[in-house]
Amino acid sequence: MAAGGSSAVTIASSWFTLCTAAVIPLYTLMIFAPDWHVTEKIMSSSLPSILLGFVYLYLLYKSWTPNTLLYMFSSKYWLPELAGITQMFASTLTVASAWIHLLAVDLFAARHVYLDGLKQKLETRHSLVLCLMFGPLGIAAHSLTKTIAQIFRRSRRSHNASRAVQDIPSPP
């Protein structure tokens, strides 16, 4: 398939806009209504990420050219090189497919953070905001939050246990 032309730009632009707009309500639910049963039901499903995956596959197919593999594996060791990847990203369809790929992966990460936050009873809003634009940073923020919460909870349990021992009356 040829990756150029005005119809390719229209296809890329339409899917780019549609998919970007489609994830916003999901993040909005996770951030502003995390305990709502509808949010939990929607985010318990892998369907949103799977649908984005299908759009990614479609755009990847539309952007494929006879040179795609050469661009991807341009080194003598068949490893990607920046120069080849840069040439590949000259296509609007390729850029759109990469964006959809990022949306899908970031949403998958956000879904994990959200569901783990529910399970562990942790605040996740800050991590979800980071997942929206900087997926790996959202995961890192969630891991840090989880570690701090575990330390705090352990300390609290230890403190409560020592207070309980102090409250036991001495035998007469």
N, C-alpha and C. Protein backbone atom coordinates (compact mmCIF):
# COMPACT_ATOMS: atom_id res chain seq x y z
N MET A 1 0.84 -1.19 0.00
CA MET A 1 0.00 0.00 0.00
C MET A 1 0.87 1.24 0.00
N ALA A 2 0.50 2.19 -0.75
CA ALA A 2 1.23 3.45 -0.78
C ALA A 2 0.89 4.25 0.47
N ALA A 3 1.92 4.85 1.04
CA ALA A 3 1.72 5.57 2.29
C ALA A 3 1.53 7.07 2.07
N GLY A 4 1.48 7.53 0.83
CA GLY A 4 1.37 8.96 0.57
C GLY A 4 0.00 9.34 0.06
N GLY A 5 -0.13 10.61 -0.32
CA GLY A 5 -1.37 11.08 -0.92
C GLY A 5 -2.28 11.77 0.07
N SER A 6 -3.19 12.59 -0.49
CA SER A 6 -4.10 13.34 0.36
C SER A 6 -5.09 12.45 1.08
N SER A 7 -5.51 11.33 0.46
CA SER A 7 -6.43 10.43 1.16
C SER A 7 -5.74 9.79 2.36
N ALA A 8 -4.44 9.52 2.24
CA ALA A 8 -3.69 8.96 3.36
C ALA A 8 -3.63 9.95 4.52
N VAL A 9 -3.44 11.22 4.20
CA VAL A 9 -3.40 12.26 5.23
C VAL A 9 -4.76 12.37 5.90
N THR A 10 -5.83 12.30 5.12
CA THR A 10 -7.19 12.36 5.67
C THR A 10 -7.45 11.18 6.59
N ILE A 11 -7.08 9.98 6.15
CA ILE A 11 -7.25 8.78 6.97
C ILE A 11 -6.47 8.92 8.27
N ALA A 12 -5.20 9.29 8.16
CA ALA A 12 -4.34 9.43 9.34
C ALA A 12 -4.90 10.47 10.30
N SER A 13 -5.29 11.60 9.77
CA SER A 13 -5.80 12.69 10.60
C SER A 13 -7.10 12.30 11.30
N SER A 14 -7.98 11.64 10.56
CA SER A 14 -9.27 11.23 11.13
C SER A 14 -9.09 10.24 12.28
N TRP A 15 -8.28 9.21 12.06
CA TRP A 15 -8.05 8.21 13.11
C TRP A 15 -7.29 8.81 14.29
N PHE A 16 -6.33 9.68 14.00
CA PHE A 16 -5.57 10.35 15.05
C PHE A 16 -6.53 11.10 15.98
N THR A 17 -7.40 11.91 15.39
CA THR A 17 -8.34 12.72 16.16
C THR A 17 -9.36 11.85 16.89
N LEU A 18 -9.93 10.89 16.20
CA LEU A 18 -10.94 10.02 16.80
C LEU A 18 -10.39 9.25 18.00
N CYS A 19 -9.24 8.64 17.83
CA CYS A 19 -8.67 7.83 18.92
C CYS A 19 -8.20 8.68 20.09
N THR A 20 -7.64 9.85 19.78
CA THR A 20 -7.23 10.75 20.86
C THR A 20 -8.45 11.18 21.67
N ALA A 21 -9.51 11.54 20.96
CA ALA A 21 -10.75 11.94 21.64
C ALA A 21 -11.39 10.78 22.40
N ALA A 22 -11.23 9.57 21.90
CA ALA A 22 -11.87 8.40 22.51
C ALA A 22 -11.28 8.04 23.87
N VAL A 23 -9.99 8.29 24.07
CA VAL A 23 -9.39 7.91 25.35
C VAL A 23 -9.67 8.93 26.45
N ILE A 24 -9.99 10.16 26.08
CA ILE A 24 -10.20 11.21 27.08
C ILE A 24 -11.32 10.87 28.07
N PRO A 25 -12.48 10.37 27.63
CA PRO A 25 -13.51 10.01 28.60
C PRO A 25 -13.07 8.89 29.56
N LEU A 26 -12.24 7.98 29.07
CA LEU A 26 -11.76 6.89 29.93
C LEU A 26 -10.86 7.43 31.04
N TYR A 27 -9.94 8.31 30.68
CA TYR A 27 -9.08 8.93 31.69
C TYR A 27 -9.91 9.81 32.62
N THR A 28 -10.90 10.51 32.06
CA THR A 28 -11.76 11.36 32.88
C THR A 28 -12.48 10.54 33.94
N LEU A 29 -13.00 9.39 33.55
CA LEU A 29 -13.66 8.51 34.52
C LEU A 29 -12.69 8.03 35.59
N MET A 30 -11.52 7.57 35.17
CA MET A 30 -10.55 7.05 36.15
C MET A 30 -10.08 8.13 37.11
N ILE A 31 -9.93 9.36 36.62
CA ILE A 31 -9.39 10.44 37.45
C ILE A 31 -10.47 11.09 38.31
N PHE A 32 -11.66 11.34 37.75
CA PHE A 32 -12.68 12.09 38.47
C PHE A 32 -13.79 11.24 39.09
N ALA A 33 -13.92 9.98 38.66
CA ALA A 33 -14.94 9.10 39.24
C ALA A 33 -14.36 7.70 39.44
N PRO A 34 -13.25 7.61 40.17
CA PRO A 34 -12.57 6.31 40.29
C PRO A 34 -13.39 5.24 41.01
N ASP A 35 -14.26 5.65 41.92
CA ASP A 35 -15.02 4.67 42.70
C ASP A 35 -16.40 4.36 42.12
N TRP A 36 -16.75 4.99 41.03
CA TRP A 36 -18.05 4.76 40.40
C TRP A 36 -18.04 3.37 39.77
N HIS A 37 -19.10 2.61 39.98
CA HIS A 37 -19.16 1.23 39.48
C HIS A 37 -19.05 1.17 37.95
N VAL A 38 -19.53 2.19 37.27
CA VAL A 38 -19.44 2.23 35.80
C VAL A 38 -17.97 2.34 35.36
N THR A 39 -17.21 3.17 36.05
CA THR A 39 -15.78 3.32 35.74
C THR A 39 -15.08 1.98 35.91
N GLU A 40 -15.33 1.33 37.02
CA GLU A 40 -14.68 0.04 37.28
C GLU A 40 -15.08 -1.00 36.24
N LYS A 41 -16.34 -1.01 35.86
CA LYS A 41 -16.80 -1.97 34.86
C LYS A 41 -16.12 -1.73 33.51
N ILE A 42 -16.09 -0.48 33.08
CA ILE A 42 -15.47 -0.15 31.79
C ILE A 42 -13.99 -0.47 31.81
N MET A 43 -13.30 -0.08 32.88
CA MET A 43 -11.85 -0.24 32.92
C MET A 43 -11.43 -1.67 33.25
N SER A 44 -12.34 -2.50 33.72
CA SER A 44 -12.02 -3.91 33.94
C SER A 44 -11.91 -4.66 32.61
N SER A 45 -12.43 -4.06 31.57
CA SER A 45 -12.40 -4.67 30.24
C SER A 45 -11.14 -4.24 29.48
N SER A 46 -10.58 -5.16 28.73
CA SER A 46 -9.44 -4.85 27.86
C SER A 46 -9.89 -4.27 26.52
N LEU A 47 -11.19 -4.22 26.30
CA LEU A 47 -11.74 -3.82 25.00
C LEU A 47 -11.22 -2.47 24.49
N PRO A 48 -11.15 -1.42 25.31
CA PRO A 48 -10.64 -0.15 24.77
C PRO A 48 -9.22 -0.27 24.18
N SER A 49 -8.34 -0.95 24.88
CA SER A 49 -6.97 -1.13 24.36
C SER A 49 -6.96 -2.02 23.12
N ILE A 50 -7.82 -3.01 23.11
CA ILE A 50 -7.90 -3.91 21.95
C ILE A 50 -8.39 -3.15 20.72
N LEU A 51 -9.41 -2.31 20.91
CA LEU A 51 -9.92 -1.51 19.78
C LEU A 51 -8.84 -0.57 19.24
N LEU A 52 -8.10 0.06 20.14
CA LEU A 52 -6.98 0.90 19.70
C LEU A 52 -5.94 0.06 18.96
N GLY A 53 -5.74 -1.16 19.41
CA GLY A 53 -4.80 -2.06 18.73
C GLY A 53 -5.23 -2.37 17.31
N PHE A 54 -6.52 -2.54 17.09
CA PHE A 54 -7.01 -2.79 15.73
C PHE A 54 -6.82 -1.56 14.83
N VAL A 55 -7.06 -0.38 15.38
CA VAL A 55 -6.82 0.84 14.60
C VAL A 55 -5.34 0.95 14.27
N TYR A 56 -4.49 0.65 15.24
CA TYR A 56 -3.04 0.66 15.01
C TYR A 56 -2.67 -0.29 13.87
N LEU A 57 -3.21 -1.50 13.91
CA LEU A 57 -2.92 -2.48 12.85
C LEU A 57 -3.37 -1.97 11.49
N TYR A 58 -4.55 -1.37 11.45
CA TYR A 58 -5.07 -0.83 10.19
C TYR A 58 -4.14 0.25 9.64
N LEU A 59 -3.75 1.19 10.50
CA LEU A 59 -2.87 2.26 10.04
C LEU A 59 -1.48 1.74 9.68
N LEU A 60 -1.03 0.74 10.40
CA LEU A 60 0.26 0.12 10.07
C LEU A 60 0.19 -0.49 8.67
N TYR A 61 -0.91 -1.19 8.41
CA TYR A 61 -1.13 -1.78 7.08
C TYR A 61 -1.15 -0.70 6.00
N LYS A 62 -1.90 0.38 6.26
CA LYS A 62 -2.01 1.46 5.27
C LYS A 62 -0.68 2.18 5.04
N SER A 63 0.17 2.20 6.06
CA SER A 63 1.44 2.92 5.94
C SER A 63 2.57 2.04 5.39
N TRP A 64 2.32 0.75 5.28
CA TRP A 64 3.37 -0.18 4.87
C TRP A 64 3.82 0.10 3.44
N THR A 65 5.11 0.12 3.23
CA THR A 65 5.68 0.28 1.89
C THR A 65 6.70 -0.83 1.68
N PRO A 66 7.16 -1.03 0.46
CA PRO A 66 8.19 -2.04 0.23
C PRO A 66 9.48 -1.77 1.03
N ASN A 67 9.70 -0.54 1.44
CA ASN A 67 10.92 -0.19 2.18
C ASN A 67 10.76 -0.23 3.70
N THR A 68 9.57 -0.52 4.20
CA THR A 68 9.34 -0.46 5.64
C THR A 68 10.32 -1.33 6.42
N LEU A 69 10.48 -2.58 6.02
CA LEU A 69 11.41 -3.46 6.75
C LEU A 69 12.85 -2.98 6.62
N LEU A 70 13.20 -2.43 5.46
CA LEU A 70 14.55 -1.88 5.29
C LEU A 70 14.79 -0.71 6.24
N TYR A 71 13.77 0.15 6.40
CA TYR A 71 13.89 1.27 7.33
C TYR A 71 14.00 0.77 8.76
N MET A 72 13.20 -0.24 9.09
CA MET A 72 13.17 -0.73 10.47
C MET A 72 14.46 -1.45 10.85
N PHE A 73 15.02 -2.19 9.93
CA PHE A 73 16.20 -3.01 10.24
C PHE A 73 17.33 -2.65 9.29
N SER A 74 17.76 -1.40 9.34
CA SER A 74 18.71 -0.89 8.36
C SER A 74 20.17 -1.18 8.68
N SER A 75 20.47 -1.64 9.87
CA SER A 75 21.88 -1.89 10.20
C SER A 75 22.30 -3.26 9.67
N LYS A 76 23.60 -3.45 9.59
CA LYS A 76 24.11 -4.74 9.11
C LYS A 76 23.77 -5.87 10.08
N TYR A 77 23.38 -5.53 11.32
CA TYR A 77 23.01 -6.54 12.31
C TYR A 77 21.49 -6.74 12.39
N TRP A 78 20.76 -6.15 11.46
CA TRP A 78 19.30 -6.23 11.42
C TRP A 78 18.66 -5.66 12.70
N LEU A 79 19.25 -4.60 13.19
CA LEU A 79 18.69 -3.88 14.33
C LEU A 79 18.21 -2.52 13.85
N PRO A 80 17.22 -1.96 14.51
CA PRO A 80 16.77 -0.62 14.10
C PRO A 80 17.88 0.41 14.29
N GLU A 81 17.91 1.36 13.38
CA GLU A 81 18.80 2.51 13.52
C GLU A 81 17.96 3.77 13.40
N LEU A 82 18.38 4.78 14.10
CA LEU A 82 17.61 6.02 14.14
C LEU A 82 17.37 6.61 12.75
N ALA A 83 18.37 6.56 11.89
CA ALA A 83 18.21 7.13 10.54
C ALA A 83 17.08 6.44 9.77
N GLY A 84 17.02 5.12 9.86
CA GLY A 84 15.97 4.37 9.18
C GLY A 84 14.59 4.65 9.75
N ILE A 85 14.50 4.69 11.07
CA ILE A 85 13.23 4.98 11.73
C ILE A 85 12.77 6.40 11.37
N THR A 86 13.71 7.33 11.31
CA THR A 86 13.38 8.71 10.94
C THR A 86 12.79 8.76 9.53
N GLN A 87 13.37 8.02 8.60
CA GLN A 87 12.81 7.97 7.23
C GLN A 87 11.40 7.39 7.25
N MET A 88 11.21 6.35 8.04
CA MET A 88 9.90 5.71 8.11
C MET A 88 8.85 6.70 8.64
N PHE A 89 9.25 7.54 9.59
CA PHE A 89 8.32 8.49 10.20
C PHE A 89 8.08 9.73 9.35
N ALA A 90 8.59 9.74 8.14
CA ALA A 90 8.28 10.82 7.21
C ALA A 90 6.84 10.70 6.70
N SER A 91 6.24 9.53 6.86
CA SER A 91 4.86 9.28 6.42
C SER A 91 3.87 9.68 7.52
N THR A 92 2.85 10.44 7.14
CA THR A 92 1.79 10.83 8.08
C THR A 92 1.08 9.61 8.65
N LEU A 93 0.86 8.60 7.82
CA LEU A 93 0.21 7.38 8.30
C LEU A 93 1.06 6.68 9.36
N THR A 94 2.37 6.66 9.16
CA THR A 94 3.25 6.02 10.13
C THR A 94 3.23 6.78 11.46
N VAL A 95 3.25 8.10 11.39
CA VAL A 95 3.19 8.91 12.61
C VAL A 95 1.87 8.67 13.32
N ALA A 96 0.77 8.63 12.58
CA ALA A 96 -0.54 8.38 13.18
C ALA A 96 -0.59 6.99 13.81
N SER A 97 -0.04 5.99 13.13
CA SER A 97 -0.05 4.64 13.70
C SER A 97 0.79 4.59 14.97
N ALA A 98 1.91 5.30 14.99
CA ALA A 98 2.75 5.33 16.19
C ALA A 98 2.01 6.03 17.34
N TRP A 99 1.27 7.08 17.02
CA TRP A 99 0.49 7.78 18.05
C TRP A 99 -0.58 6.86 18.64
N ILE A 100 -1.27 6.13 17.78
CA ILE A 100 -2.30 5.20 18.25
C ILE A 100 -1.66 4.12 19.11
N HIS A 101 -0.48 3.68 18.71
CA HIS A 101 0.28 2.69 19.49
C HIS A 101 0.55 3.26 20.89
N LEU A 102 0.99 4.50 20.96
CA LEU A 102 1.25 5.14 22.26
C LEU A 102 -0.03 5.27 23.08
N LEU A 103 -1.12 5.67 22.44
CA LEU A 103 -2.40 5.77 23.15
C LEU A 103 -2.79 4.43 23.76
N ALA A 104 -2.64 3.36 22.96
CA ALA A 104 -3.02 2.02 23.43
C ALA A 104 -2.15 1.57 24.59
N VAL A 105 -0.85 1.76 24.47
CA VAL A 105 0.07 1.32 25.52
C VAL A 105 -0.11 2.17 26.78
N ASP A 106 -0.25 3.48 26.62
CA ASP A 106 -0.46 4.34 27.79
C ASP A 106 -1.79 4.03 28.48
N LEU A 107 -2.83 3.76 27.70
CA LEU A 107 -4.11 3.39 28.29
C LEU A 107 -4.01 2.06 29.02
N PHE A 108 -3.29 1.12 28.44
CA PHE A 108 -3.09 -0.17 29.10
C PHE A 108 -2.37 0.03 30.44
N ALA A 109 -1.35 0.89 30.45
CA ALA A 109 -0.63 1.19 31.68
C ALA A 109 -1.55 1.88 32.69
N ALA A 110 -2.34 2.84 32.23
CA ALA A 110 -3.27 3.55 33.11
C ALA A 110 -4.30 2.61 33.69
N ARG A 111 -4.78 1.69 32.89
CA ARG A 111 -5.75 0.70 33.35
C ARG A 111 -5.14 -0.13 34.48
N HIS A 112 -3.90 -0.55 34.30
CA HIS A 112 -3.21 -1.33 35.35
C HIS A 112 -3.08 -0.50 36.63
N VAL A 113 -2.66 0.75 36.49
CA VAL A 113 -2.50 1.63 37.65
C VAL A 113 -3.85 1.81 38.35
N TYR A 114 -4.88 2.08 37.58
CA TYR A 114 -6.22 2.30 38.14
C TYR A 114 -6.71 1.07 38.90
N LEU A 115 -6.66 -0.10 38.26
CA LEU A 115 -7.16 -1.32 38.90
C LEU A 115 -6.33 -1.70 40.11
N ASP A 116 -5.01 -1.53 40.03
CA ASP A 116 -4.15 -1.83 41.18
C ASP A 116 -4.44 -0.85 42.31
N GLY A 117 -4.70 0.41 41.97
CA GLY A 117 -5.04 1.40 42.99
C GLY A 117 -6.33 1.04 43.72
N LEU A 118 -7.32 0.55 42.98
CA LEU A 118 -8.56 0.10 43.63
C LEU A 118 -8.29 -1.06 44.58
N LYS A 119 -7.52 -2.01 44.09
CA LYS A 119 -7.22 -3.21 44.88
C LYS A 119 -6.43 -2.87 46.15
N GLN A 120 -5.45 -1.98 46.00
CA GLN A 120 -4.58 -1.63 47.12
C GLN A 120 -5.10 -0.44 47.94
N LYS A 121 -6.24 0.12 47.52
CA LYS A 121 -6.81 1.31 48.16
C LYS A 121 -5.80 2.46 48.19
N LEU A 122 -5.31 2.79 46.98
CA LEU A 122 -4.32 3.84 46.81
C LEU A 122 -4.86 4.97 45.96
N GLU A 123 -4.39 6.16 46.20
CA GLU A 123 -4.68 7.31 45.35
C GLU A 123 -3.90 7.13 44.04
N THR A 124 -4.58 7.29 42.91
CA THR A 124 -3.92 7.07 41.62
C THR A 124 -4.04 8.26 40.66
N ARG A 125 -4.76 9.28 41.04
CA ARG A 125 -5.03 10.38 40.09
C ARG A 125 -3.75 10.97 39.50
N HIS A 126 -2.77 11.23 40.33
CA HIS A 126 -1.52 11.81 39.84
C HIS A 126 -0.81 10.88 38.86
N SER A 127 -0.84 9.59 39.15
CA SER A 127 -0.21 8.61 38.27
C SER A 127 -0.97 8.49 36.96
N LEU A 128 -2.29 8.57 37.02
CA LEU A 128 -3.11 8.47 35.80
C LEU A 128 -2.90 9.68 34.89
N VAL A 129 -2.76 10.86 35.48
CA VAL A 129 -2.47 12.05 34.66
C VAL A 129 -1.14 11.86 33.94
N LEU A 130 -0.16 11.32 34.65
CA LEU A 130 1.14 11.06 34.01
C LEU A 130 1.03 9.98 32.94
N CYS A 131 0.24 8.94 33.20
CA CYS A 131 0.05 7.88 32.19
C CYS A 131 -0.54 8.44 30.91
N LEU A 132 -1.42 9.41 31.03
CA LEU A 132 -2.08 9.98 29.85
C LEU A 132 -1.07 10.53 28.84
N MET A 133 -0.05 11.21 29.32
CA MET A 133 0.90 11.82 28.39
C MET A 133 2.30 11.21 28.43
N PHE A 134 2.65 10.61 29.55
CA PHE A 134 4.01 10.09 29.72
C PHE A 134 3.95 8.71 30.37
N GLY A 135 3.35 7.74 29.68
CA GLY A 135 3.07 6.41 30.22
C GLY A 135 4.04 5.87 31.25
N PRO A 136 5.32 5.73 30.92
CA PRO A 136 6.27 5.15 31.88
C PRO A 136 6.40 5.96 33.17
N LEU A 137 6.26 7.29 33.09
CA LEU A 137 6.33 8.10 34.30
C LEU A 137 5.13 7.84 35.21
N GLY A 138 3.98 7.57 34.62
CA GLY A 138 2.79 7.22 35.40
C GLY A 138 2.98 5.91 36.15
N ILE A 139 3.59 4.95 35.48
CA ILE A 139 3.87 3.67 36.13
C ILE A 139 4.87 3.87 37.26
N ALA A 140 5.91 4.66 37.01
CA ALA A 140 6.91 4.94 38.04
C ALA A 140 6.29 5.66 39.24
N ALA A 141 5.43 6.64 38.96
CA ALA A 141 4.76 7.37 40.05
C ALA A 141 3.89 6.44 40.87
N HIS A 142 3.20 5.54 40.20
CA HIS A 142 2.35 4.59 40.92
C HIS A 142 3.20 3.65 41.78
N SER A 143 4.30 3.18 41.24
CA SER A 143 5.19 2.30 42.01
C SER A 143 5.72 3.02 43.25
N LEU A 144 6.10 4.27 43.08
CA LEU A 144 6.59 5.06 44.21
C LEU A 144 5.48 5.28 45.24
N THR A 145 4.30 5.63 44.77
CA THR A 145 3.15 5.82 45.66
C THR A 145 2.86 4.55 46.44
N LYS A 146 2.88 3.43 45.75
CA LYS A 146 2.61 2.14 46.38
C LYS A 146 3.65 1.83 47.46
N THR A 147 4.92 2.08 47.16
CA THR A 147 5.99 1.83 48.13
C THR A 147 5.83 2.72 49.35
N ILE A 148 5.57 4.00 49.14
CA ILE A 148 5.38 4.93 50.26
C ILE A 148 4.18 4.52 51.10
N ALA A 149 3.09 4.13 50.46
CA ALA A 149 1.89 3.70 51.18
C ALA A 149 2.17 2.45 52.01
N GLN A 150 2.92 1.51 51.45
CA GLN A 150 3.25 0.28 52.19
C GLN A 150 4.09 0.60 53.41
N ILE A 151 5.07 1.48 53.26
CA ILE A 151 5.91 1.87 54.40
C ILE A 151 5.06 2.56 55.47
N PHE A 152 4.20 3.48 55.05
CA PHE A 152 3.33 4.19 55.98
C PHE A 152 2.39 3.23 56.69
N ARG A 153 1.79 2.31 55.94
CA ARG A 153 0.85 1.35 56.54
C ARG A 153 1.55 0.43 57.53
N ARG A 154 2.75 -0.02 57.19
CA ARG A 154 3.52 -0.88 58.10
C ARG A 154 3.85 -0.13 59.38
N SER A 155 4.26 1.11 59.24
CA SER A 155 4.60 1.93 60.40
C SER A 155 3.37 2.15 61.28
N ARG A 156 2.24 2.39 60.63
CA ARG A 156 1.00 2.61 61.37
C ARG A 156 0.57 1.35 62.13
N ARG A 157 0.69 0.19 61.47
CA ARG A 157 0.34 -1.07 62.13
C ARG A 157 1.25 -1.32 63.32
N SER A 158 2.52 -1.05 63.14
CA SER A 158 3.49 -1.24 64.22
C SER A 158 3.18 -0.32 65.39
N HIS A 159 2.85 0.93 65.07
CA HIS A 159 2.50 1.91 66.11
C HIS A 159 1.23 1.48 66.84
N ASN A 160 0.21 1.06 66.09
CA ASN A 160 -1.05 0.62 66.70
C ASN A 160 -0.85 -0.63 67.55
N ALA A 161 0.01 -1.54 67.10
CA ALA A 161 0.27 -2.76 67.86
C ALA A 161 0.98 -2.42 69.17
N SER A 162 1.92 -1.49 69.15
CA SER A 162 2.63 -1.13 70.38
C SER A 162 1.69 -0.39 71.33
N ARG A 163 0.77 0.41 70.81
CA ARG A 163 -0.21 1.08 71.67
C ARG A 163 -1.15 0.06 72.30
N ALA A 164 -1.52 -0.96 71.55
CA ALA A 164 -2.41 -1.99 72.08
C ALA A 164 -1.74 -2.73 73.23
N VAL A 165 -0.45 -3.00 73.10
CA VAL A 165 0.29 -3.68 74.16
C VAL A 165 0.37 -2.79 75.39
N GLN A 166 0.56 -1.50 75.21
CA GLN A 166 0.63 -0.57 76.34
C GLN A 166 -0.71 -0.44 77.04
N ASP A 167 -1.80 -0.64 76.33
CA ASP A 167 -3.14 -0.49 76.90
C ASP A 167 -3.59 -1.71 77.69
N ILE A 168 -2.84 -2.80 77.61
CA ILE A 168 -3.23 -4.01 78.35
C ILE A 168 -2.97 -3.75 79.83
N PRO A 169 -3.99 -3.92 80.66
CA PRO A 169 -3.81 -3.65 82.09
C PRO A 169 -2.85 -4.67 82.70
N SER A 170 -2.08 -4.21 83.67
CA SER A 170 -1.16 -5.09 84.38
C SER A 170 -1.95 -5.95 85.35
N PRO A 171 -1.49 -7.18 85.58
CA PRO A 171 -2.19 -8.03 86.56
C PRO A 171 -2.04 -7.45 87.97
N PRO A 172 -3.04 -7.64 88.82
CA PRO A 172 -3.00 -7.07 90.19
C PRO A 172 -1.95 -7.71 91.06
